[in-house]
Amino acid sequence: MHMLLAVSKKIMDLIVYRSAGI
């Protein structure tokens, strides 16, 4: 597995959480 995928997923999750207002 590429570490970039894991990092990207974490960043995406953070963006989603921020957008949700959590």
PDB file of N, CA and C in Angstrom:
ATOM      1  N   MET A   1       0.847  -1.215   0.000  1.00  0.00           N
ATOM      2  CA  MET A   1       0.000   0.000   0.000  1.00  0.00           C
ATOM      3  C   MET A   1       0.875   1.255   0.000  1.00  0.00           C
ATOM      4  N   HIS A   2       0.380   2.283  -0.623  1.00  0.00           N
ATOM      5  CA  HIS A   2       1.128   3.535  -0.650  1.00  0.00           C
ATOM      6  C   HIS A   2       0.750   4.386   0.559  1.00  0.00           C
ATOM      7  N   MET A   3       1.762   4.976   1.178  1.00  0.00           N
ATOM      8  CA  MET A   3       1.493   5.805   2.362  1.00  0.00           C
ATOM      9  C   MET A   3       0.676   7.033   1.962  1.00  0.00           C
ATOM     10  N   LEU A   4       0.831   7.461   0.704  1.00  0.00           N
ATOM     11  CA  LEU A   4       0.080   8.632   0.238  1.00  0.00           C
ATOM     12  C   LEU A   4      -1.411   8.404   0.370  1.00  0.00           C
ATOM     13  N   LEU A   5      -1.862   7.189   0.085  1.00  0.00           N
ATOM     14  CA  LEU A   5      -3.296   6.886   0.171  1.00  0.00           C
ATOM     15  C   LEU A   5      -3.776   7.072   1.601  1.00  0.00           C
ATOM     16  N   ALA A   6      -3.001   6.547   2.552  1.00  0.00           N
ATOM     17  CA  ALA A   6      -3.383   6.659   3.961  1.00  0.00           C
ATOM     18  C   ALA A   6      -3.414   8.127   4.385  1.00  0.00           C
ATOM     19  N   VAL A   7      -2.384   8.859   3.974  1.00  0.00           N
ATOM     20  CA  VAL A   7      -2.320  10.286   4.330  1.00  0.00           C
ATOM     21  C   VAL A   7      -3.486  11.046   3.705  1.00  0.00           C
ATOM     22  N   SER A   8      -3.754  10.754   2.437  1.00  0.00           N
ATOM     23  CA  SER A   8      -4.846  11.442   1.742  1.00  0.00           C
ATOM     24  C   SER A   8      -6.171  11.173   2.449  1.00  0.00           C
ATOM     25  N   LYS A   9      -6.375   9.923   2.870  1.00  0.00           N
ATOM     26  CA  LYS A   9      -7.626   9.588   3.536  1.00  0.00           C
ATOM     27  C   LYS A   9      -7.749  10.372   4.845  1.00  0.00           C
ATOM     28  N   LYS A  10      -6.648  10.475   5.582  1.00  0.00           N
ATOM     29  CA  LYS A  10      -6.693  11.222   6.850  1.00  0.00           C
ATOM     30  C   LYS A  10      -7.031  12.686   6.580  1.00  0.00           C
ATOM     31  N   ILE A  11      -6.410  13.245   5.545  1.00  0.00           N
ATOM     32  CA  ILE A  11      -6.669  14.649   5.211  1.00  0.00           C
ATOM     33  C   ILE A  11      -8.127  14.826   4.792  1.00  0.00           C
ATOM     34  N   MET A  12      -8.616  13.889   3.978  1.00  0.00           N
ATOM     35  CA  MET A  12     -10.013  13.978   3.532  1.00  0.00           C
ATOM     36  C   MET A  12     -10.945  13.920   4.725  1.00  0.00           C
ATOM     37  N   ASP A  13     -10.647  13.008   5.664  1.00  0.00           N
ATOM     38  CA  ASP A  13     -11.482  12.889   6.862  1.00  0.00           C
ATOM     39  C   ASP A  13     -11.471  14.203   7.637  1.00  0.00           C
ATOM     40  N   LEU A  14     -10.294  14.812   7.759  1.00  0.00           N
ATOM     41  CA  LEU A  14     -10.184  16.074   8.488  1.00  0.00           C
ATOM     42  C   LEU A  14     -11.020  17.155   7.808  1.00  0.00           C
ATOM     43  N   ILE A  15     -10.944  17.209   6.485  1.00  0.00           N
ATOM     44  CA  ILE A  15     -11.713  18.210   5.731  1.00  0.00           C
ATOM     45  C   ILE A  15     -13.203  17.986   5.937  1.00  0.00           C
ATOM     46  N   VAL A  16     -13.626  16.723   5.880  1.00  0.00           N
ATOM     47  CA  VAL A  16     -15.046  16.408   6.064  1.00  0.00           C
ATOM     48  C   VAL A  16     -15.489  16.819   7.468  1.00  0.00           C
ATOM     49  N   TYR A  17     -14.668  16.516   8.468  1.00  0.00           N
ATOM     50  CA  TYR A  17     -15.015  16.880   9.849  1.00  0.00           C
ATOM     51  C   TYR A  17     -15.128  18.395   9.976  1.00  0.00           C
ATOM     52  N   ARG A  18     -14.173  19.109   9.365  1.00  0.00           N
ATOM     53  CA  ARG A  18     -14.190  20.575   9.449  1.00  0.00           C
ATOM     54  C   ARG A  18     -15.444  21.111   8.757  1.00  0.00           C
ATOM     55  N   SER A  19     -15.784  20.531   7.618  1.00  0.00           N
ATOM     56  CA  SER A  19     -16.949  20.991   6.868  1.00  0.00           C
ATOM     57  C   SER A  19     -18.221  20.717   7.656  1.00  0.00           C
ATOM     58  N   ALA A  20     -18.210  19.613   8.420  1.00  0.00           N
ATOM     59  CA  ALA A  20     -19.389  19.244   9.199  1.00  0.00           C
ATOM     60  C   ALA A  20     -19.522  20.157  10.416  1.00  0.00           C
ATOM     61  N   GLY A  21     -18.436  20.845  10.753  1.00  0.00           N
ATOM     62  CA  GLY A  21     -18.498  21.756  11.891  1.00  0.00           C
ATOM     63  C   GLY A  21     -18.164  21.047  13.183  1.00  0.00           C
ATOM     64  N   ILE A  22     -17.533  19.873  13.074  1.00  0.00           N
ATOM     65  CA  ILE A  22     -17.144  19.148  14.287  1.00  0.00           C
ATOM     66  C   ILE A  22     -15.751  19.634  14.682  1.00  0.00           C
TER      67      ILE A  22
END
